Amino acid sequence: MDKTIIFDDFTKVDLRIGTIIEVNDFPEARHPAYQLIIDFGDLGVKKSSAQITTLYKKEDLLQKQIVAVVNFPKKQIAKFSSTCLVLGAVNSKDVILLKPENKVKNGSVVS
C-alpha cells in the first residue's frame, strides 16, 4: 500500500449501486471497452467506459447491478463523456465487476 488516507477522505467518495440498462461497443477507446449506461435511481442515469470486454458479453451485462463512484467530475474518453467510475477487482489483466450479493434499490449508498 502506497498511501494512507484518513476516514474523512473516504467519506468524500460517493459509492452507489446502479443497474446497467444499456451497453454499447466503444471502438474509439484505446483499449477494448464498453460504454455503459447505468440507472442510479433518484440520482439519475450516468455513463461509464469500462474495460471489461474479456470477461463480459454485452447481453450478460444488461440489468446487472454494479458498484460505482458517482461524484467524480466528468471525464472525456474519445467522444464519450464518462460521468461515473464502475468499480472492479483486477485479476491479472481482467477486471471483475464489484456487485451487491442481493438486488438492492438503485442509488443505494455503499458504506
N, C-alpha and C. Protein backbone atom coordinates (compact mmCIF):
# COMPACT_ATOMS: atom_id res chain seq x y z
N MET A 1 0.84 -1.16 0.00
CA MET A 1 0.00 0.00 0.00
C MET A 1 0.90 1.24 0.00
N ASP A 2 0.63 2.15 -0.93
CA ASP A 2 1.48 3.33 -1.07
C ASP A 2 1.08 4.48 -0.17
N LYS A 3 -0.22 4.76 -0.08
CA LYS A 3 -0.66 5.94 0.64
C LYS A 3 -1.75 5.59 1.64
N THR A 4 -1.66 6.18 2.80
CA THR A 4 -2.69 6.03 3.81
C THR A 4 -3.57 7.27 3.78
N ILE A 5 -4.89 7.06 3.86
CA ILE A 5 -5.81 8.19 3.92
C ILE A 5 -6.51 8.18 5.28
N ILE A 6 -7.08 9.31 5.60
CA ILE A 6 -7.86 9.36 6.83
C ILE A 6 -9.33 9.10 6.49
N PHE A 7 -10.12 8.77 7.50
CA PHE A 7 -11.51 8.41 7.28
C PHE A 7 -12.28 9.54 6.58
N ASP A 8 -11.96 10.78 6.89
CA ASP A 8 -12.64 11.91 6.24
C ASP A 8 -12.43 11.89 4.72
N ASP A 9 -11.26 11.43 4.27
CA ASP A 9 -11.02 11.30 2.83
C ASP A 9 -11.97 10.27 2.22
N PHE A 10 -12.14 9.15 2.90
CA PHE A 10 -13.01 8.08 2.40
C PHE A 10 -14.46 8.56 2.32
N THR A 11 -14.91 9.35 3.28
CA THR A 11 -16.31 9.78 3.29
C THR A 11 -16.63 10.72 2.13
N LYS A 12 -15.62 11.26 1.47
CA LYS A 12 -15.85 12.12 0.31
C LYS A 12 -16.21 11.32 -0.94
N VAL A 13 -15.91 10.03 -0.95
CA VAL A 13 -16.19 9.18 -2.11
C VAL A 13 -17.62 8.68 -2.01
N ASP A 14 -18.42 9.01 -3.03
CA ASP A 14 -19.84 8.62 -3.05
C ASP A 14 -19.98 7.33 -3.86
N LEU A 15 -20.07 6.21 -3.16
CA LEU A 15 -20.22 4.89 -3.79
C LEU A 15 -21.70 4.53 -3.80
N ARG A 16 -22.21 4.15 -4.96
CA ARG A 16 -23.63 3.82 -5.10
C ARG A 16 -23.81 2.56 -5.93
N ILE A 17 -25.00 1.98 -5.78
CA ILE A 17 -25.41 0.83 -6.57
C ILE A 17 -26.24 1.32 -7.75
N GLY A 18 -25.93 0.79 -8.92
CA GLY A 18 -26.71 1.12 -10.12
C GLY A 18 -26.93 -0.12 -10.96
N THR A 19 -27.90 -0.04 -11.85
CA THR A 19 -28.21 -1.15 -12.76
C THR A 19 -27.86 -0.74 -14.18
N ILE A 20 -27.09 -1.58 -14.86
CA ILE A 20 -26.71 -1.32 -16.25
C ILE A 20 -27.95 -1.50 -17.12
N ILE A 21 -28.33 -0.44 -17.84
CA ILE A 21 -29.53 -0.51 -18.68
C ILE A 21 -29.21 -0.49 -20.17
N GLU A 22 -27.97 -0.18 -20.52
CA GLU A 22 -27.57 -0.17 -21.93
C GLU A 22 -26.07 -0.41 -22.02
N VAL A 23 -25.67 -1.20 -23.02
CA VAL A 23 -24.25 -1.49 -23.25
C VAL A 23 -23.96 -1.32 -24.73
N ASN A 24 -22.94 -0.53 -25.03
CA ASN A 24 -22.55 -0.30 -26.42
C ASN A 24 -21.07 -0.56 -26.60
N ASP A 25 -20.71 -0.99 -27.82
CA ASP A 25 -19.30 -1.12 -28.15
C ASP A 25 -18.66 0.27 -28.13
N PHE A 26 -17.35 0.30 -27.89
CA PHE A 26 -16.62 1.58 -27.83
C PHE A 26 -15.35 1.45 -28.67
N PRO A 27 -15.50 1.42 -29.99
CA PRO A 27 -14.34 1.19 -30.86
C PRO A 27 -13.29 2.31 -30.80
N GLU A 28 -13.67 3.52 -30.36
CA GLU A 28 -12.72 4.63 -30.29
C GLU A 28 -11.80 4.56 -29.07
N ALA A 29 -12.11 3.71 -28.12
CA ALA A 29 -11.29 3.60 -26.91
C ALA A 29 -9.92 3.01 -27.25
N ARG A 30 -8.90 3.43 -26.51
CA ARG A 30 -7.53 2.93 -26.73
C ARG A 30 -7.42 1.44 -26.44
N HIS A 31 -8.12 0.99 -25.41
CA HIS A 31 -8.14 -0.43 -25.04
C HIS A 31 -9.58 -0.91 -25.18
N PRO A 32 -9.80 -2.19 -25.50
CA PRO A 32 -11.17 -2.67 -25.67
C PRO A 32 -12.05 -2.32 -24.47
N ALA A 33 -13.20 -1.71 -24.75
CA ALA A 33 -14.08 -1.25 -23.68
C ALA A 33 -15.53 -1.21 -24.17
N TYR A 34 -16.43 -1.12 -23.21
CA TYR A 34 -17.84 -0.88 -23.48
C TYR A 34 -18.21 0.49 -22.94
N GLN A 35 -19.24 1.06 -23.55
CA GLN A 35 -19.89 2.24 -22.99
C GLN A 35 -21.10 1.72 -22.22
N LEU A 36 -21.17 2.04 -20.93
CA LEU A 36 -22.27 1.58 -20.09
C LEU A 36 -23.17 2.75 -19.73
N ILE A 37 -24.47 2.52 -19.80
CA ILE A 37 -25.46 3.48 -19.33
C ILE A 37 -26.08 2.83 -18.09
N ILE A 38 -26.03 3.56 -16.96
CA ILE A 38 -26.35 2.96 -15.67
C ILE A 38 -27.42 3.79 -14.96
N ASP A 39 -28.46 3.11 -14.46
CA ASP A 39 -29.54 3.75 -13.72
C ASP A 39 -29.21 3.76 -12.24
N PHE A 40 -29.12 4.96 -11.66
CA PHE A 40 -28.84 5.11 -10.24
C PHE A 40 -30.06 5.62 -9.47
N GLY A 41 -31.24 5.27 -9.93
CA GLY A 41 -32.47 5.64 -9.23
C GLY A 41 -32.64 7.14 -9.17
N ASP A 42 -32.83 7.68 -7.95
CA ASP A 42 -33.06 9.11 -7.76
C ASP A 42 -31.90 9.99 -8.22
N LEU A 43 -30.70 9.41 -8.34
CA LEU A 43 -29.54 10.17 -8.82
C LEU A 43 -29.55 10.33 -10.34
N GLY A 44 -30.40 9.56 -11.01
CA GLY A 44 -30.50 9.63 -12.47
C GLY A 44 -29.64 8.60 -13.17
N VAL A 45 -29.46 8.81 -14.44
CA VAL A 45 -28.71 7.90 -15.30
C VAL A 45 -27.33 8.49 -15.54
N LYS A 46 -26.31 7.65 -15.41
CA LYS A 46 -24.93 8.09 -15.63
C LYS A 46 -24.27 7.15 -16.64
N LYS A 47 -23.13 7.60 -17.19
CA LYS A 47 -22.41 6.84 -18.21
C LYS A 47 -21.00 6.52 -17.73
N SER A 48 -20.50 5.38 -18.18
CA SER A 48 -19.13 5.00 -17.84
C SER A 48 -18.53 4.18 -18.97
N SER A 49 -17.24 4.33 -19.15
CA SER A 49 -16.48 3.47 -20.05
C SER A 49 -15.81 2.41 -19.18
N ALA A 50 -15.92 1.15 -19.59
CA ALA A 50 -15.35 0.08 -18.77
C ALA A 50 -14.61 -0.93 -19.64
N GLN A 51 -13.37 -1.23 -19.25
CA GLN A 51 -12.55 -2.20 -19.97
C GLN A 51 -12.83 -3.60 -19.41
N ILE A 52 -14.00 -4.12 -19.76
CA ILE A 52 -14.45 -5.41 -19.22
C ILE A 52 -14.86 -6.38 -20.32
N THR A 53 -14.34 -6.17 -21.52
CA THR A 53 -14.78 -6.94 -22.68
C THR A 53 -14.28 -8.39 -22.68
N THR A 54 -13.23 -8.68 -21.93
CA THR A 54 -12.69 -10.05 -21.97
C THR A 54 -13.54 -11.02 -21.16
N LEU A 55 -14.17 -10.56 -20.09
CA LEU A 55 -14.95 -11.45 -19.23
C LEU A 55 -16.46 -11.32 -19.39
N TYR A 56 -16.91 -10.22 -19.99
CA TYR A 56 -18.35 -9.95 -20.05
C TYR A 56 -18.80 -9.70 -21.48
N LYS A 57 -19.92 -10.34 -21.84
CA LYS A 57 -20.58 -10.06 -23.11
C LYS A 57 -21.61 -8.97 -22.85
N LYS A 58 -21.90 -8.19 -23.88
CA LYS A 58 -22.84 -7.08 -23.73
C LYS A 58 -24.17 -7.55 -23.15
N GLU A 59 -24.71 -8.63 -23.69
CA GLU A 59 -26.03 -9.10 -23.26
C GLU A 59 -26.02 -9.59 -21.80
N ASP A 60 -24.87 -10.05 -21.32
CA ASP A 60 -24.78 -10.52 -19.93
C ASP A 60 -24.72 -9.36 -18.94
N LEU A 61 -24.36 -8.18 -19.41
CA LEU A 61 -24.24 -7.02 -18.54
C LEU A 61 -25.58 -6.31 -18.31
N LEU A 62 -26.51 -6.48 -19.24
CA LEU A 62 -27.80 -5.80 -19.11
C LEU A 62 -28.51 -6.25 -17.84
N GLN A 63 -29.02 -5.29 -17.09
CA GLN A 63 -29.74 -5.49 -15.83
C GLN A 63 -28.86 -5.97 -14.69
N LYS A 64 -27.55 -5.96 -14.87
CA LYS A 64 -26.62 -6.33 -13.80
C LYS A 64 -26.40 -5.12 -12.90
N GLN A 65 -26.48 -5.33 -11.59
CA GLN A 65 -26.18 -4.26 -10.65
C GLN A 65 -24.69 -4.21 -10.40
N ILE A 66 -24.19 -2.98 -10.26
CA ILE A 66 -22.76 -2.75 -10.06
C ILE A 66 -22.55 -1.70 -8.97
N VAL A 67 -21.29 -1.54 -8.56
CA VAL A 67 -20.89 -0.50 -7.62
C VAL A 67 -20.10 0.54 -8.41
N ALA A 68 -20.38 1.82 -8.16
CA ALA A 68 -19.67 2.88 -8.89
C ALA A 68 -19.46 4.10 -8.00
N VAL A 69 -18.42 4.84 -8.33
CA VAL A 69 -18.19 6.16 -7.73
C VAL A 69 -18.97 7.14 -8.59
N VAL A 70 -19.87 7.92 -7.95
CA VAL A 70 -20.75 8.80 -8.73
C VAL A 70 -20.43 10.28 -8.56
N ASN A 71 -19.40 10.62 -7.78
CA ASN A 71 -19.12 12.04 -7.59
C ASN A 71 -17.75 12.48 -8.12
N PHE A 72 -17.25 11.79 -9.13
CA PHE A 72 -16.08 12.28 -9.85
C PHE A 72 -16.53 13.29 -10.90
N PRO A 73 -15.66 14.21 -11.30
CA PRO A 73 -16.03 15.10 -12.42
C PRO A 73 -16.08 14.28 -13.71
N LYS A 74 -16.78 14.83 -14.69
CA LYS A 74 -16.86 14.17 -16.00
C LYS A 74 -15.47 13.96 -16.57
N LYS A 75 -15.30 12.84 -17.25
CA LYS A 75 -14.02 12.56 -17.91
C LYS A 75 -14.30 12.25 -19.37
N GLN A 76 -13.63 12.98 -20.25
CA GLN A 76 -13.81 12.77 -21.69
C GLN A 76 -12.89 11.65 -22.15
N ILE A 77 -13.48 10.61 -22.74
CA ILE A 77 -12.73 9.49 -23.28
C ILE A 77 -13.13 9.38 -24.75
N ALA A 78 -12.23 9.79 -25.63
CA ALA A 78 -12.55 9.93 -27.05
C ALA A 78 -13.76 10.86 -27.16
N LYS A 79 -14.83 10.43 -27.83
CA LYS A 79 -16.02 11.28 -27.97
C LYS A 79 -17.08 10.96 -26.91
N PHE A 80 -16.70 10.22 -25.88
CA PHE A 80 -17.64 9.77 -24.84
C PHE A 80 -17.34 10.48 -23.53
N SER A 81 -18.37 10.98 -22.88
CA SER A 81 -18.22 11.66 -21.60
C SER A 81 -18.62 10.71 -20.47
N SER A 82 -17.65 10.25 -19.71
CA SER A 82 -17.89 9.34 -18.60
C SER A 82 -18.25 10.15 -17.36
N THR A 83 -19.37 9.78 -16.70
CA THR A 83 -19.86 10.55 -15.55
C THR A 83 -19.83 9.76 -14.24
N CYS A 84 -19.32 8.55 -14.28
CA CYS A 84 -19.12 7.76 -13.06
C CYS A 84 -18.01 6.74 -13.32
N LEU A 85 -17.53 6.12 -12.26
CA LEU A 85 -16.46 5.13 -12.37
C LEU A 85 -16.96 3.81 -11.80
N VAL A 86 -17.13 2.82 -12.68
CA VAL A 86 -17.56 1.49 -12.26
C VAL A 86 -16.37 0.80 -11.60
N LEU A 87 -16.62 0.14 -10.47
CA LEU A 87 -15.53 -0.49 -9.72
C LEU A 87 -15.42 -1.98 -10.02
N GLY A 88 -14.18 -2.44 -10.04
CA GLY A 88 -13.92 -3.85 -10.27
C GLY A 88 -12.59 -4.24 -9.67
N ALA A 89 -12.42 -5.53 -9.47
CA ALA A 89 -11.16 -6.06 -8.97
C ALA A 89 -10.34 -6.52 -10.18
N VAL A 90 -9.07 -6.18 -10.18
CA VAL A 90 -8.19 -6.56 -11.28
C VAL A 90 -7.56 -7.90 -10.95
N ASN A 91 -7.82 -8.87 -11.82
CA ASN A 91 -7.29 -10.22 -11.68
C ASN A 91 -6.42 -10.47 -12.90
N SER A 92 -5.11 -10.38 -12.72
CA SER A 92 -4.18 -10.41 -13.84
C SER A 92 -4.46 -9.18 -14.69
N LYS A 93 -4.99 -9.34 -15.89
CA LYS A 93 -5.34 -8.20 -16.74
C LYS A 93 -6.84 -8.00 -16.82
N ASP A 94 -7.62 -8.94 -16.32
CA ASP A 94 -9.07 -8.88 -16.41
C ASP A 94 -9.66 -8.12 -15.23
N VAL A 95 -10.78 -7.45 -15.49
CA VAL A 95 -11.49 -6.73 -14.45
C VAL A 95 -12.78 -7.48 -14.13
N ILE A 96 -12.96 -7.78 -12.84
CA ILE A 96 -14.16 -8.47 -12.37
C ILE A 96 -15.00 -7.43 -11.64
N LEU A 97 -16.21 -7.19 -12.13
CA LEU A 97 -17.07 -6.16 -11.56
C LEU A 97 -17.43 -6.45 -10.11
N LEU A 98 -17.46 -5.38 -9.30
CA LEU A 98 -17.98 -5.49 -7.94
C LEU A 98 -19.49 -5.32 -8.00
N LYS A 99 -20.21 -6.14 -7.25
CA LYS A 99 -21.67 -6.07 -7.30
C LYS A 99 -22.24 -6.50 -5.96
N PRO A 100 -23.47 -6.06 -5.67
CA PRO A 100 -24.09 -6.50 -4.43
C PRO A 100 -24.46 -7.97 -4.51
N GLU A 101 -24.45 -8.63 -3.38
CA GLU A 101 -24.81 -10.05 -3.33
C GLU A 101 -26.29 -10.26 -3.62
N ASN A 102 -27.12 -9.33 -3.17
CA ASN A 102 -28.56 -9.38 -3.41
C ASN A 102 -28.99 -8.11 -4.11
N LYS A 103 -30.12 -8.17 -4.82
CA LYS A 103 -30.63 -6.98 -5.51
C LYS A 103 -31.03 -5.94 -4.47
N VAL A 104 -30.61 -4.70 -4.74
CA VAL A 104 -30.95 -3.58 -3.86
C VAL A 104 -31.49 -2.43 -4.72
N LYS A 105 -32.04 -1.43 -4.07
CA LYS A 105 -32.59 -0.27 -4.76
C LYS A 105 -31.46 0.49 -5.46
N ASN A 106 -31.69 0.86 -6.72
CA ASN A 106 -30.72 1.69 -7.44
C ASN A 106 -30.49 2.99 -6.68
N GLY A 107 -29.24 3.38 -6.59
CA GLY A 107 -28.87 4.60 -5.87
C GLY A 107 -28.52 4.34 -4.42
N SER A 108 -28.65 3.08 -3.96
CA SER A 108 -28.31 2.76 -2.57
C SER A 108 -26.86 3.12 -2.30
N VAL A 109 -26.62 3.65 -1.11
CA VAL A 109 -25.28 4.05 -0.70
C VAL A 109 -24.47 2.81 -0.28
N VAL A 110 -23.22 2.77 -0.72
CA VAL A 110 -22.28 1.72 -0.29
C VAL A 110 -21.40 2.35 0.78
N SER A 111 -21.34 1.71 1.94
CA SER A 111 -20.53 2.28 3.02
C SER A 111 -19.66 1.22 3.66
